[in-house]
Amino acid sequence: MKVPIEALREATRRAIAAQGFSKVDTEIILDVILYAQLRGNNQNVIKLLGAGMPADPKAGEITLVKDTKLSALIDGAWNQGMVVVSRATALASEKANAHGFGIVGTRRSNSPTGAIGFFARALADAGLIGFVCSGSMELMAMHGSYEPFLGTNPLAIGIPTAGKPIVFDMATASIAWYGIHLAQAEGKRIPAGVAYDSDGRLTTDPAAALAGAIKAFGGYKGAALALIVEVLTRPLVGASRDEAGKKLDWGNLVFAIDPELLADDLASFQADVSALLARVKGLKRLPGVDEILAPGERGDRVYERVMAAGEIEMDERIWRDLQAVGASVDNPD
């Protein structure tokens, strides 16, 4: 069904507020979730359905554990992941603008960070090269195993150009955790070969996959990349585990680079990247390939079409459930 963009925005705002978030945090989370929804990314309103992502009653004030001119470590104090990484992104940007480089780690957030391309794009829009990676709970198997051990461990890179930025955003898993939830909510199967059931058998049943483990994308190479993200978002930032080694919180890492550390100036760097993209777009294409797309280009086009139409296609059940979540909120503003 078609849903007007403004109706979606209001329903999403109400659904977030209904889960106990302040007005300020609601707006941060709203921006990240709609970024995903309006670009066809599955880190979207599905996060608010079912068990949702309620605010943690023990959440406190976000603080700095370490701080230097180039780096910082943030204690998220059990706040929502999008809120914590938003703070980290702003701080990394501030340090990069002042000193050319900024790296900020976070620990003790209580939930995932959503589409981290949102944060990488924000850095690129500010003229910086941005890297963002996030750890998560044990959802994915290491290559050669079917036991959940790694997070889906996404990473995103944003690069400024003379036009729209390059935004590369991927989970190191064969399918995003919320992609499985979305398939279950829509009554669909998941693709073959992306997840195991609890006995190590490949499955296309979302419920069985949720009880089992996701495969890493690309076999051992994807699993190795996921392990690197695990190191950067666990031991490096001090994310916590229990005595059995089970993860207790989410860790994240953001770093920002001013291109002028190496390039002559920002404008020439952006022009060179745009020239490179033009060459990529002009490469000889295989049969059946209409166009070669740059990272982030597909999502940008989805966004532009949706915004031009003023409405978005949504599953009727998901739209109904989203409205139901926020029904108890009279006025989230």
Foldseek 3Di string as FASTA:
>chain_A
DKDFPVRVLVLQLLLQVLLPDALVVSVLVSVQQVLCVLLVHLLHSLCSFDVHDHFDPQADDKDWPDDDLAETEIERSQGAQQVVVVVVLVQQLVSCVVPFKHKYKYANHNYDNGFCLVSQQVLQVVLKKKKKKKWDFQAADAFPDFARDGGLIKMWIWHHAPDRIFIAIDGQAPDHLSRLVVCVLLVHWADWPFAAFCVRHTGRNSVRRRNTHTYGPPGNVSSVVRVVSVCVFDVVNPQDADPVRGGDIMMMMMMIGNVVVPDVHSHVVNHVVVVVVVVVQVDDDDPPDPTDDGHPPSSVVSSVVCVVVSIDDDDPSSVVRSSVSSVVDPDSD
